[in-house]
Amino acid sequence: MKETEYKLNIGFVLLTVLWLLAIISIVASIFAKWTYESIENAKKNRDNMQNLIDLHSTQAVVLYLLSTQQRNIAGITTYQKKPENLNLNDQFDIGSFNLNTTGTEVRVDDRAYKGKGSIYFSLQDKAGLYNLNIASFDESELARRPIRRILANFTIPLESRNGLLDKLQDYIDDDDNHRINGAEKYHYKKKSLPPPANRRLFHPMEVYNIMDWDNQKYLWQNNLWGQLTTISFSGALNINTAPLFILKSFEGIDTEIAQKIITSRNKSPFSSMDSLSALIGINMADILNGTSVGFYPSRFIRISLWYQGGNFVRQIHIKITPTSNKKQPWYIAYTNDIPMTEKYKQNTVSPLHIPHL
């Protein structure tokens, strides 16, 4: 009997030890996993913090270049030192632009460059984008043609385009008289929507607040609408910086001609209508049919900054103001973060050494 009890006690002790070992093993495993995750999170936080530091450093260098270097038809020059004959008070006057390019300019057509650390950046001249406020205030057919074609390129049906444009103009004008296909306060109230702003747009994405515009899903994919439009610049379209999507929205320019323009300007930027026609082998004066085009970067620039593995792109919208009475070399209109898109994930970097980066 005692021997049986002894064996039972030994068995119980062994079973208890096994259970304790199993519990200790589970606890150790959980602790090891927690430790590993804590270390990885610490590394990730450290990397994110370093990326944010590098992002701000890159932003500072880019702003410095934009405010101190000369612009030409190719973009922003990258002199190591300021040229002796560079007059900062005159450099933003069109008459002071230098047609001679060096091949070392930072292009302002949204191509990617390497910044500090893991940061990438791009510059987009807003003269290459479509200004929504033109279509908002000018109801002529000539002014509406580009935005009609932009909407068509987004596969929006013909019958919907007039309604969208009428609602855009009703949203901006300061009266309560709605156009044939438009909408005013009482239309918005019926749908429990905030009323029209009755002022010019403050941001391209503000059109999302306009009745029926929010239903056009193709406009909002990959933030494409916000990347192609602006409310800042109302001058001539810069043929050297306009994206393909914008180029082919103008009368007489189809996808084939637009691609030919981009291929040619990448080799040698255009300086005049004659050079544009000669380089692509087409009389562009006839093709454009009165559309006003330019060849120099404007003072309105969109800076995009991002890093590999990040989930956002920081965009800073600035106006270069070297002759401002307040002596500020640039003015930041607004800054916004957009979700990372496929375009910025590609990180196809232009091979150019940029001072201080």
Protein backbone atom coordinates (compact mmCIF):
# COMPACT_ATOMS: atom_id res chain seq x y z
CA MET A 1 0.00 0.00 0.00
CA LYS A 2 2.80 2.39 0.91
CA GLU A 3 4.62 1.52 -2.30
CA THR A 4 1.50 2.33 -4.32
CA GLU A 5 1.05 5.65 -2.51
CA TYR A 6 4.73 6.45 -3.08
CA LYS A 7 4.40 5.80 -6.81
CA LEU A 8 1.25 7.94 -6.95
CA ASN A 9 3.05 10.77 -5.15
CA ILE A 10 6.02 10.51 -7.54
CA GLY A 11 3.65 10.55 -10.52
CA PHE A 12 1.84 13.56 -9.16
CA VAL A 13 5.12 15.42 -8.59
CA LEU A 14 6.34 14.59 -12.09
CA LEU A 15 3.03 15.69 -13.60
CA THR A 16 3.17 18.92 -11.61
CA VAL A 17 6.76 19.56 -12.75
CA LEU A 18 5.77 18.93 -16.36
CA TRP A 19 2.88 21.36 -16.05
CA LEU A 20 5.15 23.97 -14.45
CA LEU A 21 7.72 23.49 -17.20
CA ALA A 22 5.01 23.88 -19.83
CA ILE A 23 3.70 27.03 -18.17
CA ILE A 24 7.23 28.43 -17.84
CA SER A 25 7.89 27.60 -21.49
CA ILE A 26 4.69 29.37 -22.58
CA VAL A 27 5.47 32.39 -20.42
CA ALA A 28 9.05 32.49 -21.75
CA SER A 29 7.76 32.24 -25.31
CA ILE A 30 5.28 35.08 -24.73
CA PHE A 31 7.98 37.17 -23.08
CA ALA A 32 10.41 36.47 -25.95
CA LYS A 33 7.77 37.45 -28.50
CA TRP A 34 6.93 40.60 -26.53
CA THR A 35 10.62 41.47 -26.26
CA TYR A 36 11.14 40.91 -30.00
CA GLU A 37 8.10 43.00 -30.91
CA SER A 38 9.19 45.74 -28.51
CA ILE A 39 12.65 45.83 -30.08
CA GLU A 40 11.18 45.86 -33.59
CA ASN A 41 8.73 48.62 -32.66
CA ALA A 42 11.59 50.61 -31.12
CA LYS A 43 13.60 50.18 -34.34
CA LYS A 44 10.58 51.17 -36.42
CA ASN A 45 9.97 54.24 -34.24
CA ARG A 46 13.63 55.15 -34.49
CA ASP A 47 13.56 54.76 -38.29
CA ASN A 48 10.33 56.75 -38.55
CA MET A 49 11.80 59.52 -36.43
CA GLN A 50 14.95 59.56 -38.58
CA ASN A 51 12.81 59.61 -41.72
CA LEU A 52 10.86 62.61 -40.41
CA ILE A 53 14.12 64.40 -39.57
CA ASP A 54 15.47 63.64 -43.07
CA LEU A 55 12.16 64.73 -44.59
CA HIS A 56 12.37 68.14 -42.91
CA SER A 57 16.06 68.44 -43.87
CA THR A 58 15.22 67.68 -47.51
CA GLN A 59 12.37 70.18 -47.40
CA ALA A 60 14.75 72.89 -46.10
CA VAL A 61 17.31 72.25 -48.86
CA VAL A 62 14.65 72.23 -51.59
CA LEU A 63 13.16 75.50 -50.33
CA TYR A 64 16.65 77.00 -50.27
CA LEU A 65 17.27 75.95 -53.88
CA LEU A 66 13.91 77.28 -55.03
CA SER A 67 14.49 80.66 -53.40
CA THR A 68 18.15 81.19 -54.37
CA GLN A 69 18.66 79.51 -57.73
CA GLN A 70 17.66 80.62 -61.18
CA ARG A 71 14.84 79.12 -63.19
CA ASN A 72 15.09 78.29 -66.86
CA ILE A 73 13.08 76.27 -69.37
CA ALA A 74 14.49 73.02 -67.94
CA GLY A 75 13.68 73.75 -64.29
CA ILE A 76 15.67 74.94 -61.27
CA THR A 77 19.43 75.37 -61.60
CA THR A 78 21.70 73.65 -59.07
CA TYR A 79 24.74 75.91 -58.86
CA GLN A 80 27.13 75.05 -56.05
CA LYS A 81 27.60 78.79 -55.56
CA LYS A 82 25.57 81.78 -56.62
CA PRO A 83 26.74 83.02 -60.04
CA GLU A 84 28.22 86.53 -59.99
CA ASN A 85 25.69 87.84 -62.49
CA LEU A 86 22.59 86.38 -60.79
CA ASN A 87 20.34 89.21 -59.62
CA LEU A 88 17.91 87.77 -57.09
CA ASN A 89 15.59 90.75 -57.50
CA ASP A 90 15.16 90.09 -61.21
CA GLN A 91 15.49 86.34 -61.54
CA PHE A 92 11.74 85.77 -61.46
CA ASP A 93 11.02 88.27 -64.19
CA ILE A 94 10.39 86.36 -67.43
CA GLY A 95 12.85 88.64 -69.21
CA SER A 96 15.68 87.41 -67.01
CA PHE A 97 15.24 83.72 -67.81
CA ASN A 98 18.20 82.05 -69.41
CA LEU A 99 17.38 79.80 -72.35
CA ASN A 100 20.75 78.03 -72.05
CA THR A 101 20.31 74.83 -70.04
CA THR A 102 23.11 72.90 -68.36
CA GLY A 103 21.51 69.49 -68.01
CA THR A 104 21.90 69.70 -64.23
CA GLU A 105 18.58 71.38 -63.47
CA VAL A 106 16.04 69.93 -61.08
CA ARG A 107 13.06 69.36 -63.34
CA VAL A 108 9.66 70.59 -62.15
CA ASP A 109 7.52 67.95 -63.86
CA ASP A 110 7.03 65.78 -60.75
CA ARG A 111 9.91 63.38 -61.45
CA ALA A 112 11.55 61.82 -58.38
CA TYR A 113 14.94 62.80 -56.92
CA LYS A 114 16.90 61.42 -53.97
CA GLY A 115 16.86 63.52 -50.84
CA LYS A 116 18.43 63.06 -47.40
CA GLY A 117 18.68 59.50 -46.08
CA SER A 118 15.73 57.46 -47.35
CA ILE A 119 13.76 60.49 -48.53
CA TYR A 120 12.62 61.11 -52.10
CA PHE A 121 11.19 64.33 -53.43
CA SER A 122 9.67 65.82 -56.57
CA LEU A 123 8.68 69.29 -57.75
CA GLN A 124 5.63 70.08 -59.85
CA ASP A 125 5.24 73.45 -61.54
CA LYS A 126 1.58 74.40 -61.11
CA ALA A 127 1.61 76.10 -64.51
CA GLY A 128 1.60 72.54 -65.85
CA LEU A 129 -1.67 71.69 -64.07
CA TYR A 130 -5.26 72.65 -64.83
CA ASN A 131 -6.61 75.62 -62.87
CA LEU A 132 -10.14 74.83 -61.69
CA ASN A 133 -10.98 78.45 -61.01
CA ILE A 134 -10.70 79.22 -64.76
CA ALA A 135 -13.62 76.92 -65.52
CA SER A 136 -15.42 78.22 -62.45
CA PHE A 137 -15.50 81.89 -63.47
CA ASP A 138 -15.25 81.69 -67.27
CA GLU A 139 -18.34 80.00 -68.70
CA SER A 140 -17.26 80.31 -72.32
CA GLU A 141 -17.06 77.13 -74.37
CA LEU A 142 -13.34 77.74 -75.01
CA ALA A 143 -12.62 77.88 -71.26
CA ARG A 144 -14.71 74.77 -70.59
CA ARG A 145 -13.16 72.58 -73.29
CA PRO A 146 -10.08 71.44 -71.31
CA ILE A 147 -12.06 70.45 -68.19
CA ARG A 148 -14.65 68.71 -70.38
CA ARG A 149 -11.88 66.61 -71.89
CA ILE A 150 -10.34 65.98 -68.47
CA LEU A 151 -13.68 64.63 -67.27
CA ALA A 152 -13.98 62.60 -70.48
CA ASN A 153 -10.54 61.10 -69.84
CA PHE A 154 -11.86 60.02 -66.46
CA THR A 155 -14.58 58.12 -68.38
CA ILE A 156 -17.35 60.37 -67.08
CA PRO A 157 -20.33 60.16 -69.50
CA LEU A 158 -21.09 63.13 -71.75
CA GLU A 159 -24.53 63.69 -70.20
CA SER A 160 -22.94 64.09 -66.74
CA ARG A 161 -20.24 66.62 -67.64
CA ASN A 162 -22.50 69.66 -68.13
CA GLY A 163 -24.21 68.98 -64.81
CA LEU A 164 -20.90 68.74 -62.98
CA LEU A 165 -19.63 72.00 -64.49
CA ASP A 166 -22.89 73.84 -63.77
CA LYS A 167 -22.79 72.65 -60.16
CA LEU A 168 -19.14 73.72 -59.92
CA GLN A 169 -20.04 77.25 -61.03
CA ASP A 170 -23.10 77.42 -58.76
CA TYR A 171 -20.89 76.33 -55.85
CA ILE A 172 -18.57 79.28 -56.45
CA ASP A 173 -20.77 82.18 -57.58
CA ASP A 174 -22.30 84.44 -54.92
CA ASP A 175 -25.96 84.24 -55.93
CA ASP A 176 -28.76 81.70 -55.39
CA ASN A 177 -29.75 81.38 -59.04
CA HIS A 178 -28.98 77.89 -60.23
CA ARG A 179 -27.99 76.99 -63.79
CA ILE A 180 -29.96 74.49 -65.86
CA ASN A 181 -28.06 71.51 -64.47
CA GLY A 182 -26.74 73.27 -61.39
CA ALA A 183 -27.59 73.25 -57.68
CA GLU A 184 -27.97 75.91 -55.01
CA LYS A 185 -28.62 75.95 -51.25
CA TYR A 186 -32.11 74.43 -51.36
CA HIS A 187 -30.89 71.51 -53.52
CA TYR A 188 -28.15 70.78 -50.99
CA LYS A 189 -30.60 71.13 -48.08
CA LYS A 190 -32.87 68.47 -49.61
CA LYS A 191 -29.95 66.04 -49.56
CA SER A 192 -28.80 67.12 -46.08
CA LEU A 193 -25.53 68.45 -47.49
CA PRO A 194 -23.57 71.55 -46.43
CA PRO A 195 -24.51 74.53 -48.63
CA PRO A 196 -22.29 75.85 -51.47
CA ALA A 197 -19.34 77.96 -50.34
CA ASN A 198 -20.15 80.84 -52.76
CA ARG A 199 -16.47 81.71 -53.15
CA ARG A 200 -13.52 80.54 -55.19
CA LEU A 201 -12.04 77.15 -54.39
CA PHE A 202 -9.34 77.03 -51.73
CA HIS A 203 -8.13 73.53 -52.67
CA PRO A 204 -8.61 71.25 -55.71
CA MET A 205 -10.09 68.49 -53.56
CA GLU A 206 -12.80 70.87 -52.37
CA VAL A 207 -14.84 69.85 -55.42
CA TYR A 208 -15.57 66.64 -53.49
CA ASN A 209 -18.02 68.77 -51.46
CA ILE A 210 -19.95 69.75 -54.59
CA MET A 211 -23.17 67.86 -55.26
CA ASP A 212 -22.67 64.80 -57.52
CA TRP A 213 -18.90 65.28 -57.76
CA ASP A 214 -18.33 62.89 -54.86
CA ASN A 215 -20.01 60.12 -56.89
CA GLN A 216 -17.35 60.24 -59.63
CA LYS A 217 -15.17 57.48 -58.17
CA TYR A 218 -12.48 57.60 -60.87
CA LEU A 219 -11.61 61.18 -59.90
CA TRP A 220 -10.60 60.15 -56.40
CA GLN A 221 -8.59 56.98 -57.10
CA ASN A 222 -4.91 57.43 -56.17
CA ASN A 223 -5.63 61.11 -55.48
CA LEU A 224 -5.31 61.67 -59.24
CA TRP A 225 -7.68 64.65 -59.35
CA GLY A 226 -5.69 66.48 -56.67
CA GLN A 227 -2.43 65.80 -58.50
CA LEU A 228 -3.62 67.11 -61.88
CA THR A 229 -5.47 70.26 -60.86
CA THR A 230 -4.68 73.49 -59.03
CA ILE A 231 -6.31 76.70 -57.88
CA SER A 232 -3.07 78.74 -57.70
CA PHE A 233 -1.92 79.56 -61.22
CA SER A 234 -4.06 81.04 -63.99
CA GLY A 235 -1.53 81.80 -66.71
CA ALA A 236 -0.50 79.89 -69.83
CA LEU A 237 -0.09 76.12 -69.64
CA ASN A 238 3.60 75.21 -69.30
CA ILE A 239 4.17 72.69 -72.06
CA ASN A 240 7.45 71.60 -70.39
CA THR A 241 5.85 70.55 -67.10
CA ALA A 242 2.29 69.43 -67.88
CA PRO A 243 1.54 65.73 -67.20
CA LEU A 244 0.37 63.56 -70.10
CA PHE A 245 -3.19 63.57 -68.72
CA ILE A 246 -3.32 67.37 -68.85
CA LEU A 247 -1.63 67.71 -72.23
CA LYS A 248 -4.17 65.48 -73.93
CA SER A 249 -7.04 67.47 -72.41
CA PHE A 250 -6.32 70.41 -74.70
CA GLU A 251 -7.87 70.79 -78.11
CA GLY A 252 -5.82 69.13 -80.85
CA ILE A 253 -3.55 67.12 -78.53
CA ASP A 254 -4.32 63.41 -78.39
CA THR A 255 -2.45 60.71 -76.46
CA GLU A 256 0.05 60.15 -79.28
CA ILE A 257 0.99 63.83 -79.61
CA ALA A 258 1.07 64.26 -75.81
CA GLN A 259 3.49 61.34 -75.45
CA LYS A 260 5.63 62.75 -78.26
CA ILE A 261 5.80 66.10 -76.46
CA ILE A 262 6.94 64.44 -73.22
CA THR A 263 9.56 62.27 -74.97
CA SER A 264 10.96 65.30 -76.81
CA ARG A 265 11.02 67.67 -73.83
CA ASN A 266 12.85 65.08 -71.70
CA LYS A 267 15.73 65.31 -74.19
CA SER A 268 15.51 69.05 -74.82
CA PRO A 269 12.94 71.38 -73.18
CA PHE A 270 10.93 73.59 -75.51
CA SER A 271 11.69 77.32 -75.59
CA SER A 272 9.10 78.55 -78.12
CA MET A 273 6.21 77.45 -80.27
CA ASP A 274 8.65 77.12 -83.19
CA SER A 275 10.95 74.81 -81.21
CA LEU A 276 7.92 72.81 -80.07
CA SER A 277 6.76 72.35 -83.66
CA ALA A 278 10.27 71.57 -84.94
CA LEU A 279 11.11 69.00 -82.27
CA ILE A 280 7.95 66.94 -82.66
CA GLY A 281 7.45 67.56 -86.40
CA ILE A 282 3.95 69.06 -86.13
CA ASN A 283 2.75 72.66 -86.53
CA MET A 284 1.56 73.10 -82.96
CA ALA A 285 0.17 76.60 -83.57
CA ASP A 286 -2.52 75.01 -85.75
CA ILE A 287 -3.00 72.05 -83.41
CA LEU A 288 -3.46 74.20 -80.28
CA ASN A 289 -5.94 76.48 -82.05
CA GLY A 290 -5.47 79.52 -79.82
CA THR A 291 -4.69 77.71 -76.56
CA SER A 292 -2.24 79.81 -74.56
CA VAL A 293 0.96 77.90 -73.73
CA GLY A 294 4.20 78.84 -71.98
CA PHE A 295 7.64 77.33 -71.54
CA TYR A 296 8.96 78.62 -68.20
CA PRO A 297 8.25 77.42 -64.64
CA SER A 298 5.92 79.60 -62.61
CA ARG A 299 6.47 80.77 -59.05
CA PHE A 300 3.83 78.28 -57.86
CA ILE A 301 5.40 74.93 -56.99
CA ARG A 302 4.15 71.74 -55.33
CA ILE A 303 6.87 69.95 -53.33
CA SER A 304 6.24 66.24 -52.66
CA LEU A 305 8.26 64.36 -50.03
CA TRP A 306 8.07 60.67 -49.11
CA TYR A 307 10.18 57.72 -47.98
CA GLN A 308 10.39 54.05 -48.80
CA GLY A 309 7.97 52.02 -46.72
CA GLY A 310 6.02 55.12 -45.68
CA ASN A 311 2.26 55.31 -45.93
CA PHE A 312 1.94 58.98 -46.88
CA VAL A 313 3.30 61.66 -49.21
CA ARG A 314 3.74 65.14 -47.75
CA GLN A 315 2.89 67.89 -50.22
CA ILE A 316 3.84 71.52 -49.65
CA HIS A 317 2.25 74.12 -51.90
CA ILE A 318 4.39 77.25 -52.15
CA LYS A 319 4.74 80.51 -54.00
CA ILE A 320 8.27 81.83 -54.51
CA THR A 321 8.29 85.46 -53.33
CA PRO A 322 11.85 86.88 -53.47
CA THR A 323 10.64 90.48 -53.90
CA SER A 324 8.05 90.38 -51.13
CA ASN A 325 7.83 93.51 -48.98
CA LYS A 326 8.06 91.25 -45.93
CA LYS A 327 11.39 89.92 -47.25
CA GLN A 328 10.22 86.30 -47.17
CA PRO A 329 11.72 84.20 -50.00
CA TRP A 330 8.71 81.90 -50.19
CA TYR A 331 5.14 81.66 -48.99
CA ILE A 332 3.60 78.32 -47.98
CA ALA A 333 -0.05 78.34 -49.03
CA TYR A 334 -0.84 75.02 -47.37
CA THR A 335 0.59 71.59 -46.57
CA ASN A 336 -1.27 68.29 -46.79
CA ASP A 337 -0.50 64.59 -46.53
CA ILE A 338 -1.96 62.22 -49.12
CA PRO A 339 -2.00 58.41 -48.95
CA MET A 340 0.96 56.73 -50.64
CA THR A 341 0.13 55.99 -54.30
CA GLU A 342 1.68 53.62 -56.84
CA LYS A 343 3.34 56.55 -58.62
CA TYR A 344 5.40 57.47 -55.58
CA LYS A 345 6.09 53.86 -54.58
CA GLN A 346 8.07 53.32 -57.79
CA ASN A 347 11.00 55.51 -56.63
CA THR A 348 12.48 55.73 -60.14
CA VAL A 349 15.09 58.36 -59.32
CA SER A 350 16.61 60.84 -61.77
CA PRO A 351 20.44 60.59 -61.62
CA LEU A 352 21.39 64.10 -60.53
CA HIS A 353 23.71 65.36 -57.82
CA ILE A 354 21.96 68.11 -55.91
CA PRO A 355 24.03 70.37 -53.62
CA HIS A 356 23.59 69.73 -49.88
CA LEU A 357 21.56 66.52 -50.47
